[in-house]
Amino acid sequence: YADAVKGRFTISRDNAKNTVYLQMTSLKPEDTAVYYCAVHRFQS
């Protein structure tokens, strides 16, 4: 986690559903942004 979101955001994944999640709590105005997900270029 980035320091700015540590303790407030939680990332998780469900490989059976090919889905990754970002649970965001205690949101602040400075969290306003466009959020992008991405897949790493190298496996394992």
PDB file of all heavy atoms in Angstrom:
ATOM      1  N   TYR A   1       0.823  -1.199   0.000  1.00  0.00           N
ATOM      2  CA  TYR A   1       0.000   0.000   0.000  1.00  0.00           C
ATOM      3  C   TYR A   1       0.862   1.255   0.000  1.00  0.00           C
ATOM      4  O   TYR A   1       1.933   1.291   0.614  1.00  0.00           O
ATOM      5  CB  TYR A   1      -0.906   0.033   1.237  1.00  0.00           C
ATOM      6  CG  TYR A   1      -1.866  -1.114   1.309  1.00  0.00           C
ATOM      7  CD1 TYR A   1      -1.572  -2.266   2.031  1.00  0.00           C
ATOM      8  CD2 TYR A   1      -3.085  -1.057   0.633  1.00  0.00           C
ATOM      9  CE1 TYR A   1      -2.464  -3.331   2.079  1.00  0.00           C
ATOM     10  CE2 TYR A   1      -3.983  -2.121   0.685  1.00  0.00           C
ATOM     11  CZ  TYR A   1      -3.655  -3.249   1.404  1.00  0.00           C
ATOM     12  OH  TYR A   1      -4.539  -4.300   1.445  1.00  0.00           O
ATOM     13  N   ALA A   2       0.358   2.271  -0.667  1.00  0.00           N
ATOM     14  CA  ALA A   2       0.968   3.592  -0.538  1.00  0.00           C
ATOM     15  C   ALA A   2       0.730   4.101   0.878  1.00  0.00           C
ATOM     16  O   ALA A   2      -0.295   3.794   1.501  1.00  0.00           O
ATOM     17  CB  ALA A   2       0.345   4.549  -1.550  1.00  0.00           C
ATOM     18  N   ASP A   3       1.651   4.884   1.380  1.00  0.00           N
ATOM     19  CA  ASP A   3       1.519   5.398   2.743  1.00  0.00           C
ATOM     20  C   ASP A   3       0.219   6.182   2.919  1.00  0.00           C
ATOM     21  O   ASP A   3      -0.397   6.131   3.992  1.00  0.00           O
ATOM     22  CB  ASP A   3       2.706   6.299   3.080  1.00  0.00           C
ATOM     23  CG  ASP A   3       3.990   5.515   3.284  1.00  0.00           C
ATOM     24  OD1 ASP A   3       3.920   4.286   3.491  1.00  0.00           O
ATOM     25  OD2 ASP A   3       5.069   6.133   3.234  1.00  0.00           O
ATOM     26  N   ALA A   4      -0.219   6.856   1.865  1.00  0.00           N
ATOM     27  CA  ALA A   4      -1.395   7.712   1.971  1.00  0.00           C
ATOM     28  C   ALA A   4      -2.683   6.938   2.207  1.00  0.00           C
ATOM     29  O   ALA A   4      -3.679   7.508   2.682  1.00  0.00           O
ATOM     30  CB  ALA A   4      -1.539   8.554   0.702  1.00  0.00           C
ATOM     31  N   VAL A   5      -2.679   5.654   1.898  1.00  0.00           N
ATOM     32  CA  VAL A   5      -3.913   4.866   2.025  1.00  0.00           C
ATOM     33  C   VAL A   5      -3.780   3.726   3.027  1.00  0.00           C
ATOM     34  O   VAL A   5      -4.777   3.048   3.319  1.00  0.00           O
ATOM     35  CB  VAL A   5      -4.357   4.297   0.661  1.00  0.00           C
ATOM     36  CG1 VAL A   5      -4.443   5.403  -0.387  1.00  0.00           C
ATOM     37  CG2 VAL A   5      -3.433   3.186   0.187  1.00  0.00           C
ATOM     38  N   LYS A   6      -2.593   3.532   3.553  1.00  0.00           N
ATOM     39  CA  LYS A   6      -2.370   2.418   4.476  1.00  0.00           C
ATOM     40  C   LYS A   6      -3.283   2.538   5.685  1.00  0.00           C
ATOM     41  O   LYS A   6      -3.429   3.610   6.271  1.00  0.00           O
ATOM     42  CB  LYS A   6      -0.902   2.419   4.907  1.00  0.00           C
ATOM     43  CG  LYS A   6      -0.372   1.101   5.384  1.00  0.00           C
ATOM     44  CD  LYS A   6       1.134   1.158   5.568  1.00  0.00           C
ATOM     45  CE  LYS A   6       1.859   1.331   4.254  1.00  0.00           C
ATOM     46  NZ  LYS A   6       3.336   1.310   4.400  1.00  0.00           N
ATOM     47  N   GLY A   7      -3.933   1.436   6.027  1.00  0.00           N
ATOM     48  CA  GLY A   7      -4.845   1.420   7.151  1.00  0.00           C
ATOM     49  C   GLY A   7      -6.271   1.790   6.785  1.00  0.00           C
ATOM     50  O   GLY A   7      -7.186   1.591   7.587  1.00  0.00           O
ATOM     51  N   ARG A   8      -6.475   2.317   5.575  1.00  0.00           N
ATOM     52  CA  ARG A   8      -7.818   2.709   5.135  1.00  0.00           C
ATOM     53  C   ARG A   8      -8.296   1.885   3.950  1.00  0.00           C
ATOM     54  O   ARG A   8      -9.491   1.651   3.803  1.00  0.00           O
ATOM     55  CB  ARG A   8      -7.839   4.188   4.749  1.00  0.00           C
ATOM     56  CG  ARG A   8      -7.467   5.122   5.872  1.00  0.00           C
ATOM     57  CD  ARG A   8      -7.672   6.591   5.474  1.00  0.00           C
ATOM     58  NE  ARG A   8      -6.822   6.993   4.356  1.00  0.00           N
ATOM     59  CZ  ARG A   8      -7.294   7.454   3.205  1.00  0.00           C
ATOM     60  NH1 ARG A   8      -8.591   7.556   3.000  1.00  0.00           N
ATOM     61  NH2 ARG A   8      -6.441   7.817   2.240  1.00  0.00           N
ATOM     62  N   PHE A   9      -7.376   1.487   3.086  1.00  0.00           N
ATOM     63  CA  PHE A   9      -7.719   0.721   1.887  1.00  0.00           C
ATOM     64  C   PHE A   9      -7.244  -0.725   2.052  1.00  0.00           C
ATOM     65  O   PHE A   9      -6.212  -0.987   2.673  1.00  0.00           O
ATOM     66  CB  PHE A   9      -7.043   1.314   0.656  1.00  0.00           C
ATOM     67  CG  PHE A   9      -7.557   2.656   0.213  1.00  0.00           C
ATOM     68  CD1 PHE A   9      -8.424   3.403   0.997  1.00  0.00           C
ATOM     69  CD2 PHE A   9      -7.176   3.169  -1.010  1.00  0.00           C
ATOM     70  CE1 PHE A   9      -8.900   4.641   0.584  1.00  0.00           C
ATOM     71  CE2 PHE A   9      -7.633   4.403  -1.458  1.00  0.00           C
ATOM     72  CZ  PHE A   9      -8.491   5.142  -0.653  1.00  0.00           C
ATOM     73  N   THR A  10      -7.998  -1.642   1.439  1.00  0.00           N
ATOM     74  CA  THR A  10      -7.625  -3.052   1.444  1.00  0.00           C
ATOM     75  C   THR A  10      -7.778  -3.624   0.045  1.00  0.00           C
ATOM     76  O   THR A  10      -8.859  -3.511  -0.550  1.00  0.00           O
ATOM     77  CB  THR A  10      -8.500  -3.852   2.414  1.00  0.00           C
ATOM     78  OG1 THR A  10      -8.395  -3.299   3.730  1.00  0.00           O
ATOM     79  CG2 THR A  10      -8.061  -5.312   2.453  1.00  0.00           C
ATOM     80  N   ILE A  11      -6.717  -4.225  -0.449  1.00  0.00           N
ATOM     81  CA  ILE A  11      -6.768  -4.878  -1.754  1.00  0.00           C
ATOM     82  C   ILE A  11      -6.948  -6.378  -1.545  1.00  0.00           C
ATOM     83  O   ILE A  11      -6.374  -6.962  -0.611  1.00  0.00           O
ATOM     84  CB  ILE A  11      -5.501  -4.582  -2.585  1.00  0.00           C
ATOM     85  CG1 ILE A  11      -5.653  -5.099  -4.013  1.00  0.00           C
ATOM     86  CG2 ILE A  11      -4.248  -5.131  -1.915  1.00  0.00           C
ATOM     87  CD1 ILE A  11      -4.541  -4.647  -4.953  1.00  0.00           C
ATOM     88  N   SER A  12      -7.759  -6.975  -2.391  1.00  0.00           N
ATOM     89  CA  SER A  12      -7.971  -8.423  -2.322  1.00  0.00           C
ATOM     90  C   SER A  12      -8.246  -8.930  -3.724  1.00  0.00           C
ATOM     91  O   SER A  12      -8.459  -8.146  -4.647  1.00  0.00           O
ATOM     92  CB  SER A  12      -9.121  -8.759  -1.375  1.00  0.00           C
ATOM     93  OG  SER A  12     -10.334  -8.196  -1.841  1.00  0.00           O
ATOM     94  N   ARG A  13      -8.238 -10.232  -3.866  1.00  0.00           N
ATOM     95  CA  ARG A  13      -8.494 -10.807  -5.186  1.00  0.00           C
ATOM     96  C   ARG A  13      -9.235 -12.122  -5.040  1.00  0.00           C
ATOM     97  O   ARG A  13      -9.089 -12.828  -4.039  1.00  0.00           O
ATOM     98  CB  ARG A  13      -7.187 -11.013  -5.958  1.00  0.00           C
ATOM     99  CG  ARG A  13      -6.236 -12.029  -5.372  1.00  0.00           C
ATOM    100  CD  ARG A  13      -4.880 -11.974  -6.070  1.00  0.00           C
ATOM    101  NE  ARG A  13      -4.970 -12.304  -7.478  1.00  0.00           N
ATOM    102  CZ  ARG A  13      -4.025 -12.006  -8.375  1.00  0.00           C
ATOM    103  NH1 ARG A  13      -2.938 -11.354  -8.002  1.00  0.00           N
ATOM    104  NH2 ARG A  13      -4.173 -12.359  -9.640  1.00  0.00           N
ATOM    105  N   ASP A  14     -10.014 -12.418  -6.062  1.00  0.00           N
ATOM    106  CA  ASP A  14     -10.714 -13.698  -6.165  1.00  0.00           C
ATOM    107  C   ASP A  14     -10.281 -14.293  -7.499  1.00  0.00           C
ATOM    108  O   ASP A  14     -10.812 -13.930  -8.556  1.00  0.00           O
ATOM    109  CB  ASP A  14     -12.231 -13.485  -6.100  1.00  0.00           C
ATOM    110  CG  ASP A  14     -13.001 -14.793  -6.096  1.00  0.00           C
ATOM    111  OD1 ASP A  14     -12.453 -15.822  -6.528  1.00  0.00           O
ATOM    112  OD2 ASP A  14     -14.166 -14.768  -5.674  1.00  0.00           O
ATOM    113  N   ASN A  15      -9.310 -15.190  -7.455  1.00  0.00           N
ATOM    114  CA  ASN A  15      -8.765 -15.738  -8.704  1.00  0.00           C
ATOM    115  C   ASN A  15      -9.789 -16.573  -9.458  1.00  0.00           C
ATOM    116  O   ASN A  15      -9.718 -16.685 -10.683  1.00  0.00           O
ATOM    117  CB  ASN A  15      -7.513 -16.553  -8.414  1.00  0.00           C
ATOM    118  CG  ASN A  15      -6.319 -15.671  -8.089  1.00  0.00           C
ATOM    119  OD1 ASN A  15      -6.287 -14.489  -8.442  1.00  0.00           O
ATOM    120  ND2 ASN A  15      -5.340 -16.217  -7.396  1.00  0.00           N
ATOM    121  N   ALA A  16     -10.725 -17.169  -8.751  1.00  0.00           N
ATOM    122  CA  ALA A  16     -11.765 -17.956  -9.420  1.00  0.00           C
ATOM    123  C   ALA A  16     -12.653 -17.063 -10.280  1.00  0.00           C
ATOM    124  O   ALA A  16     -13.217 -17.521 -11.280  1.00  0.00           O
ATOM    125  CB  ALA A  16     -12.601 -18.702  -8.395  1.00  0.00           C
ATOM    126  N   LYS A  17     -12.758 -15.789  -9.892  1.00  0.00           N
ATOM    127  CA  LYS A  17     -13.585 -14.847 -10.639  1.00  0.00           C
ATOM    128  C   LYS A  17     -12.756 -13.890 -11.488  1.00  0.00           C
ATOM    129  O   LYS A  17     -13.306 -12.982 -12.106  1.00  0.00           O
ATOM    130  CB  LYS A  17     -14.453 -14.038  -9.674  1.00  0.00           C
ATOM    131  CG  LYS A  17     -15.467 -14.866  -8.915  1.00  0.00           C
ATOM    132  CD  LYS A  17     -16.316 -13.992  -8.000  1.00  0.00           C
ATOM    133  CE  LYS A  17     -17.370 -14.816  -7.275  1.00  0.00           C
ATOM    134  NZ  LYS A  17     -18.201 -13.966  -6.379  1.00  0.00           N
ATOM    135  N   ASN A  18     -11.426 -14.078 -11.466  1.00  0.00           N
ATOM    136  CA  ASN A  18     -10.542 -13.150 -12.200  1.00  0.00           C
ATOM    137  C   ASN A  18     -10.841 -11.701 -11.847  1.00  0.00           C
ATOM    138  O   ASN A  18     -10.903 -10.819 -12.720  1.00  0.00           O
ATOM    139  CB  ASN A  18     -10.675 -13.341 -13.715  1.00  0.00           C
ATOM    140  CG  ASN A  18      -9.898 -14.541 -14.214  1.00  0.00           C
ATOM    141  OD1 ASN A  18      -9.060 -15.089 -13.493  1.00  0.00           O
ATOM    142  ND2 ASN A  18     -10.180 -14.955 -15.426  1.00  0.00           N
ATOM    143  N   THR A  19     -11.005 -11.444 -10.572  1.00  0.00           N
ATOM    144  CA  THR A  19     -11.400 -10.117 -10.117  1.00  0.00           C
ATOM    145  C   THR A  19     -10.517  -9.671  -8.959  1.00  0.00           C
ATOM    146  O   THR A  19     -10.196 -10.465  -8.070  1.00  0.00           O
ATOM    147  CB  THR A  19     -12.874 -10.099  -9.687  1.00  0.00           C
ATOM    148  OG1 THR A  19     -13.682 -10.496 -10.799  1.00  0.00           O
ATOM    149  CG2 THR A  19     -13.299  -8.714  -9.232  1.00  0.00           C
ATOM    150  N   VAL A  20     -10.142  -8.404  -8.995  1.00  0.00           N
ATOM    151  CA  VAL A  20      -9.409  -7.797  -7.892  1.00  0.00           C
ATOM    152  C   VAL A  20     -10.266  -6.656  -7.348  1.00  0.00           C
ATOM    153  O   VAL A  20     -10.992  -5.991  -8.098  1.00  0.00           O
ATOM    154  CB  VAL A  20      -8.016  -7.319  -8.340  1.00  0.00           C
ATOM    155  CG1 VAL A  20      -8.118  -6.243  -9.401  1.00  0.00           C
ATOM    156  CG2 VAL A  20      -7.202  -6.830  -7.167  1.00  0.00           C
ATOM    157  N   TYR A  21     -10.192  -6.460  -6.039  1.00  0.00           N
ATOM    158  CA  TYR A  21     -11.025  -5.473  -5.366  1.00  0.00           C
ATOM    159  C   TYR A  21     -10.156  -4.455  -4.633  1.00  0.00           C
ATOM    160  O   TYR A  21      -9.034  -4.753  -4.224  1.00  0.00           O
ATOM    161  CB  TYR A  21     -11.943  -6.152  -4.353  1.00  0.00           C
ATOM    162  CG  TYR A  21     -12.805  -7.237  -4.935  1.00  0.00           C
ATOM    163  CD1 TYR A  21     -12.430  -8.583  -4.841  1.00  0.00           C
ATOM    164  CD2 TYR A  21     -14.001  -6.935  -5.585  1.00  0.00           C
ATOM    165  CE1 TYR A  21     -13.217  -9.583  -5.376  1.00  0.00           C
ATOM    166  CE2 TYR A  21     -14.796  -7.936  -6.122  1.00  0.00           C
ATOM    167  CZ  TYR A  21     -14.395  -9.255  -6.016  1.00  0.00           C
ATOM    168  OH  TYR A  21     -15.175 -10.241  -6.548  1.00  0.00           O
ATOM    169  N   LEU A  22     -10.726  -3.279  -4.447  1.00  0.00           N
ATOM    170  CA  LEU A  22     -10.106  -2.280  -3.592  1.00  0.00           C
ATOM    171  C   LEU A  22     -11.190  -1.729  -2.683  1.00  0.00           C
ATOM    172  O   LEU A  22     -12.060  -0.983  -3.129  1.00  0.00           O
ATOM    173  CB  LEU A  22      -9.469  -1.160  -4.407  1.00  0.00           C
ATOM    174  CG  LEU A  22      -8.684  -0.141  -3.580  1.00  0.00           C
ATOM    175  CD1 LEU A  22      -7.432  -0.785  -2.980  1.00  0.00           C
ATOM    176  CD2 LEU A  22      -8.294   1.076  -4.427  1.00  0.00           C
ATOM    177  N   GLN A  23     -11.147  -2.146  -1.428  1.00  0.00           N
ATOM    178  CA  GLN A  23     -12.080  -1.638  -0.438  1.00  0.00           C
ATOM    179  C   GLN A  23     -11.492  -0.364   0.149  1.00  0.00           C
ATOM    180  O   GLN A  23     -10.394  -0.388   0.702  1.00  0.00           O
ATOM    181  CB  GLN A  23     -12.311  -2.666   0.664  1.00  0.00           C
ATOM    182  CG  GLN A  23     -13.251  -2.212   1.760  1.00  0.00           C
ATOM    183  CD  GLN A  23     -14.682  -2.055   1.280  1.00  0.00           C
ATOM    184  OE1 GLN A  23     -15.235  -2.956   0.663  1.00  0.00           O
ATOM    185  NE2 GLN A  23     -15.296  -0.911   1.570  1.00  0.00           N
ATOM    186  N   MET A  24     -12.234   0.714   0.019  1.00  0.00           N
ATOM    187  CA  MET A  24     -11.761   2.019   0.479  1.00  0.00           C
ATOM    188  C   MET A  24     -12.661   2.509   1.602  1.00  0.00           C
ATOM    189  O   MET A  24     -13.882   2.624   1.407  1.00  0.00           O
ATOM    190  CB  MET A  24     -11.761   3.014  -0.678  1.00  0.00           C
ATOM    191  CG  MET A  24     -10.979   2.522  -1.898  1.00  0.00           C
ATOM    192  SD  MET A  24     -10.844   3.760  -3.198  1.00  0.00           S
ATOM    193  CE  MET A  24     -12.571   3.896  -3.687  1.00  0.00           C
ATOM    194  N   THR A  25     -12.085   2.791   2.748  1.00  0.00           N
ATOM    195  CA  THR A  25     -12.835   3.292   3.883  1.00  0.00           C
ATOM    196  C   THR A  25     -12.226   4.609   4.358  1.00  0.00           C
ATOM    197  O   THR A  25     -11.122   4.971   3.961  1.00  0.00           O
ATOM    198  CB  THR A  25     -12.840   2.275   5.033  1.00  0.00           C
ATOM    199  OG1 THR A  25     -11.485   2.080   5.484  1.00  0.00           O
ATOM    200  CG2 THR A  25     -13.412   0.939   4.584  1.00  0.00           C
ATOM    201  N   SER A  26     -12.966   5.293   5.218  1.00  0.00           N
ATOM    202  CA  SER A  26     -12.511   6.582   5.764  1.00  0.00           C
ATOM    203  C   SER A  26     -11.989   7.486   4.647  1.00  0.00           C
ATOM    204  O   SER A  26     -10.920   8.090   4.751  1.00  0.00           O
ATOM    205  CB  SER A  26     -11.409   6.362   6.810  1.00  0.00           C
ATOM    206  OG  SER A  26     -11.866   5.548   7.861  1.00  0.00           O
ATOM    207  N   LEU A  27     -12.763   7.582   3.600  1.00  0.00           N
ATOM    208  CA  LEU A  27     -12.324   8.334   2.427  1.00  0.00           C
ATOM    209  C   LEU A  27     -12.180   9.813   2.738  1.00  0.00           C
ATOM    210  O   LEU A  27     -12.942  10.386   3.540  1.00  0.00           O
ATOM    211  CB  LEU A  27     -13.300   8.120   1.271  1.00  0.00           C
ATOM    212  CG  LEU A  27     -13.133   6.766   0.559  1.00  0.00           C
ATOM    213  CD1 LEU A  27     -14.375   6.415  -0.237  1.00  0.00           C
ATOM    214  CD2 LEU A  27     -11.907   6.799  -0.335  1.00  0.00           C
ATOM    215  N   LYS A  28     -11.200  10.408   2.078  1.00  0.00           N
ATOM    216  CA  LYS A  28     -10.885  11.819   2.252  1.00  0.00           C
ATOM    217  C   LYS A  28     -11.005  12.538   0.903  1.00  0.00           C
ATOM    218  O   LYS A  28     -10.847  11.903  -0.144  1.00  0.00           O
ATOM    219  CB  LYS A  28      -9.450  11.968   2.760  1.00  0.00           C
ATOM    220  CG  LYS A  28      -9.145  11.204   4.036  1.00  0.00           C
ATOM    221  CD  LYS A  28      -7.672  11.319   4.397  1.00  0.00           C
ATOM    222  CE  LYS A  28      -7.342  10.537   5.650  1.00  0.00           C
ATOM    223  NZ  LYS A  28      -5.899  10.639   5.999  1.00  0.00           N
ATOM    224  N   PRO A  29     -11.240  13.833   0.922  1.00  0.00           N
ATOM    225  CA  PRO A  29     -11.309  14.561  -0.361  1.00  0.00           C
ATOM    226  C   PRO A  29     -10.065  14.366  -1.219  1.00  0.00           C
ATOM    227  O   PRO A  29     -10.165  14.328  -2.449  1.00  0.00           O
ATOM    228  CB  PRO A  29     -11.464  16.009   0.095  1.00  0.00           C
ATOM    229  CG  PRO A  29     -12.191  15.919   1.399  1.00  0.00           C
ATOM    230  CD  PRO A  29     -11.624  14.685   2.049  1.00  0.00           C
ATOM    231  N   GLU A  30      -8.912  14.196  -0.586  1.00  0.00           N
ATOM    232  CA  GLU A  30      -7.685  14.009  -1.361  1.00  0.00           C
ATOM    233  C   GLU A  30      -7.593  12.638  -2.028  1.00  0.00           C
ATOM    234  O   GLU A  30      -6.663  12.373  -2.795  1.00  0.00           O
ATOM    235  CB  GLU A  30      -6.450  14.248  -0.497  1.00  0.00           C
ATOM    236  CG  GLU A  30      -6.425  13.499   0.818  1.00  0.00           C
ATOM    237  CD  GLU A  30      -6.937  14.353   1.974  1.00  0.00           C
ATOM    238  OE1 GLU A  30      -7.952  15.064   1.811  1.00  0.00           O
ATOM    239  OE2 GLU A  30      -6.314  14.282   3.066  1.00  0.00           O
ATOM    240  N   ASP A  31      -8.541  11.756  -1.741  1.00  0.00           N
ATOM    241  CA  ASP A  31      -8.616  10.464  -2.444  1.00  0.00           C
ATOM    242  C   ASP A  31      -9.326  10.607  -3.788  1.00  0.00           C
ATOM    243  O   ASP A  31      -9.364   9.642  -4.568  1.00  0.00           O
ATOM    244  CB  ASP A  31      -9.349   9.431  -1.603  1.00  0.00           C
ATOM    245  CG  ASP A  31      -8.606   9.071  -0.334  1.00  0.00           C
ATOM    246  OD1 ASP A  31      -7.373   8.908  -0.386  1.00  0.00           O
ATOM    247  OD2 ASP A  31      -9.269   8.945   0.720  1.00  0.00           O
ATOM    248  N   THR A  32      -9.890  11.776  -4.050  1.00  0.00           N
ATOM    249  CA  THR A  32     -10.574  12.008  -5.319  1.00  0.00           C
ATOM    250  C   THR A  32      -9.599  11.831  -6.475  1.00  0.00           C
ATOM    251  O   THR A  32      -8.537  12.456  -6.509  1.00  0.00           O
ATOM    252  CB  THR A  32     -11.182  13.419  -5.343  1.00  0.00           C
ATOM    253  OG1 THR A  32     -12.195  13.515  -4.342  1.00  0.00           O
ATOM    254  CG2 THR A  32     -11.772  13.728  -6.715  1.00  0.00           C
ATOM    255  N   ALA A  33      -9.964  10.967  -7.421  1.00  0.00           N
ATOM    256  CA  ALA A  33      -9.079  10.657  -8.552  1.00  0.00           C
ATOM    257  C   ALA A  33      -9.793   9.671  -9.466  1.00  0.00           C
ATOM    258  O   ALA A  33     -10.834   9.117  -9.112  1.00  0.00           O
ATOM    259  CB  ALA A  33      -7.767  10.048  -8.060  1.00  0.00           C
ATOM    260  N   VAL A  34      -9.187   9.445 -10.614  1.00  0.00           N
ATOM    261  CA  VAL A  34      -9.574   8.306 -11.443  1.00  0.00           C
ATOM    262  C   VAL A  34      -8.706   7.124 -11.005  1.00  0.00           C
ATOM    263  O   VAL A  34      -7.473   7.245 -10.943  1.00  0.00           O
ATOM    264  CB  VAL A  34      -9.372   8.597 -12.945  1.00  0.00           C
ATOM    265  CG1 VAL A  34      -9.714   7.359 -13.773  1.00  0.00           C
ATOM    266  CG2 VAL A  34     -10.237   9.778 -13.371  1.00  0.00           C
ATOM    267  N   TYR A  35      -9.347   6.021 -10.704  1.00  0.00           N
ATOM    268  CA  TYR A  35      -8.651   4.834 -10.229  1.00  0.00           C
ATOM    269  C   TYR A  35      -8.558   3.805 -11.356  1.00  0.00           C
ATOM    270  O   TYR A  35      -9.561   3.517 -12.031  1.00  0.00           O
ATOM    271  CB  TYR A  35      -9.380   4.239  -9.033  1.00  0.00           C
ATOM    272  CG  TYR A  35      -9.157   5.019  -7.761  1.00  0.00           C
ATOM    273  CD1 TYR A  35      -9.731   6.274  -7.577  1.00  0.00           C
ATOM    274  CD2 TYR A  35      -8.346   4.512  -6.754  1.00  0.00           C
ATOM    275  CE1 TYR A  35      -9.499   7.007  -6.432  1.00  0.00           C
ATOM    276  CE2 TYR A  35      -8.120   5.236  -5.580  1.00  0.00           C
ATOM    277  CZ  TYR A  35      -8.694   6.480  -5.442  1.00  0.00           C
ATOM    278  OH  TYR A  35      -8.466   7.202  -4.286  1.00  0.00           O
ATOM    279  N   TYR A  36      -7.349   3.287 -11.523  1.00  0.00           N
ATOM    280  CA  TYR A  36      -7.070   2.317 -12.578  1.00  0.00           C
ATOM    281  C   TYR A  36      -6.573   1.005 -11.975  1.00  0.00           C
ATOM    282  O   TYR A  36      -5.746   1.029 -11.057  1.00  0.00           O
ATOM    283  CB  TYR A  36      -5.989   2.830 -13.521  1.00  0.00           C
ATOM    284  CG  TYR A  36      -6.323   4.092 -14.258  1.00  0.00           C
ATOM    285  CD1 TYR A  36      -6.026   5.337 -13.714  1.00  0.00           C
ATOM    286  CD2 TYR A  36      -6.930   4.052 -15.513  1.00  0.00           C
ATOM    287  CE1 TYR A  36      -6.317   6.505 -14.393  1.00  0.00           C
ATOM    288  CE2 TYR A  36      -7.228   5.212 -16.202  1.00  0.00           C
ATOM    289  CZ  TYR A  36      -6.920   6.427 -15.638  1.00  0.00           C
ATOM    290  OH  TYR A  36      -7.211   7.579 -16.313  1.00  0.00           O
ATOM    291  N   CYS A  37      -7.036  -0.099 -12.506  1.00  0.00           N
ATOM    292  CA  CYS A  37      -6.419  -1.370 -12.152  1.00  0.00           C
ATOM    293  C   CYS A  37      -5.484  -1.780 -13.289  1.00  0.00           C
ATOM    294  O   CYS A  37      -5.621  -1.332 -14.432  1.00  0.00           O
ATOM    295  CB  CYS A  37      -7.445  -2.453 -11.867  1.00  0.00           C
ATOM    296  SG  CYS A  37      -8.339  -3.059 -13.298  1.00  0.00           S
ATOM    297  N   ALA A  38      -4.537  -2.635 -12.950  1.00  0.00           N
ATOM    298  CA  ALA A  38      -3.543  -3.050 -13.924  1.00  0.00           C
ATOM    299  C   ALA A  38      -3.052  -4.448 -13.585  1.00  0.00           C
ATOM    300  O   ALA A  38      -3.083  -4.862 -12.417  1.00  0.00           O
ATOM    301  CB  ALA A  38      -2.371  -2.070 -13.936  1.00  0.00           C
ATOM    302  N   VAL A  39      -2.571  -5.145 -14.606  1.00  0.00           N
ATOM    303  CA  VAL A  39      -2.010  -6.484 -14.416  1.00  0.00           C
ATOM    304  C   VAL A  39      -0.518  -6.428 -14.681  1.00  0.00           C
ATOM    305  O   VAL A  39      -0.058  -5.782 -15.628  1.00  0.00           O
ATOM    306  CB  VAL A  39      -2.717  -7.519 -15.315  1.00  0.00           C
ATOM    307  CG1 VAL A  39      -2.593  -7.150 -16.789  1.00  0.00           C
ATOM    308  CG2 VAL A  39      -2.151  -8.905 -15.094  1.00  0.00           C
ATOM    309  N   HIS A  40       0.236  -7.090 -13.807  1.00  0.00           N
ATOM    310  CA  HIS A  40       1.696  -7.084 -13.888  1.00  0.00           C
ATOM    311  C   HIS A  40       2.165  -7.732 -15.188  1.00  0.00           C
ATOM    312  O   HIS A  40       1.527  -8.645 -15.714  1.00  0.00           O
ATOM    313  CB  HIS A  40       2.262  -7.842 -12.687  1.00  0.00           C
ATOM    314  CG  HIS A  40       3.667  -7.478 -12.350  1.00  0.00           C
ATOM    315  ND1 HIS A  40       4.745  -8.020 -13.009  1.00  0.00           N
ATOM    316  CD2 HIS A  40       4.176  -6.622 -11.425  1.00  0.00           C
ATOM    317  CE1 HIS A  40       5.867  -7.510 -12.497  1.00  0.00           C
ATOM    318  NE2 HIS A  40       5.542  -6.662 -11.534  1.00  0.00           N
ATOM    319  N   ARG A  41       3.287  -7.272 -15.675  1.00  0.00           N
ATOM    320  CA  ARG A  41       3.764  -7.785 -16.957  1.00  0.00           C
ATOM    321  C   ARG A  41       4.427  -9.157 -16.851  1.00  0.00           C
ATOM    322  O   ARG A  41       4.573  -9.854 -17.852  1.00  0.00           O
ATOM    323  CB  ARG A  41       4.706  -6.792 -17.626  1.00  0.00           C
ATOM    324  CG  ARG A  41       5.966  -6.480 -16.891  1.00  0.00           C
ATOM    325  CD  ARG A  41       6.851  -5.515 -17.703  1.00  0.00           C
ATOM    326  NE  ARG A  41       6.273  -4.196 -17.831  1.00  0.00           N
ATOM    327  CZ  ARG A  41       5.848  -3.679 -18.991  1.00  0.00           C
ATOM    328  NH1 ARG A  41       5.901  -4.385 -20.098  1.00  0.00           N
ATOM    329  NH2 ARG A  41       5.355  -2.448 -19.045  1.00  0.00           N
ATOM    330  N   PHE A  42       4.831  -9.588 -15.645  1.00  0.00           N
ATOM    331  CA  PHE A  42       5.502 -10.877 -15.486  1.00  0.00           C
ATOM    332  C   PHE A  42       4.712 -11.784 -14.559  1.00  0.00           C
ATOM    333  O   PHE A  42       4.301 -11.371 -13.475  1.00  0.00           O
ATOM    334  CB  PHE A  42       6.898 -10.684 -14.920  1.00  0.00           C
ATOM    335  CG  PHE A  42       7.789  -9.803 -15.762  1.00  0.00           C
ATOM    336  CD1 PHE A  42       8.346  -8.653 -15.230  1.00  0.00           C
ATOM    337  CD2 PHE A  42       8.070 -10.137 -17.068  1.00  0.00           C
ATOM    338  CE1 PHE A  42       9.155  -7.840 -16.001  1.00  0.00           C
ATOM    339  CE2 PHE A  42       8.877  -9.336 -17.848  1.00  0.00           C
ATOM    340  CZ  PHE A  42       9.425  -8.181 -17.315  1.00  0.00           C
ATOM    341  N   GLN A  43       4.558 -13.041 -14.949  1.00  0.00           N
ATOM    342  CA  GLN A  43       3.806 -13.963 -14.111  1.00  0.00           C
ATOM    343  C   GLN A  43       4.667 -14.477 -12.968  1.00  0.00           C
ATOM    344  O   GLN A  43       5.886 -14.604 -13.102  1.00  0.00           O
ATOM    345  CB  GLN A  43       3.257 -15.122 -14.932  1.00  0.00           C
ATOM    346  CG  GLN A  43       4.297 -16.023 -15.565  1.00  0.00           C
ATOM    347  CD  GLN A  43       3.639 -17.179 -16.313  1.00  0.00           C
ATOM    348  OE1 GLN A  43       2.440 -17.421 -16.210  1.00  0.00           O
ATOM    349  NE2 GLN A  43       4.428 -17.898 -17.070  1.00  0.00           N
ATOM    350  N   SER A  44       3.993 -14.739 -11.840  1.00  0.00           N
ATOM    351  CA  SER A  44       4.632 -15.310 -10.649  1.00  0.00           C
ATOM    352  C   SER A  44       5.889 -14.543 -10.248  1.00  0.00           C
ATOM    353  O   SER A  44       6.875 -15.120  -9.797  1.00  0.00           O
ATOM    354  CB  SER A  44       4.985 -16.779 -10.885  1.00  0.00           C
ATOM    355  OG  SER A  44       3.872 -17.502 -11.320  1.00  0.00           O
TER     356      SER A  44
END
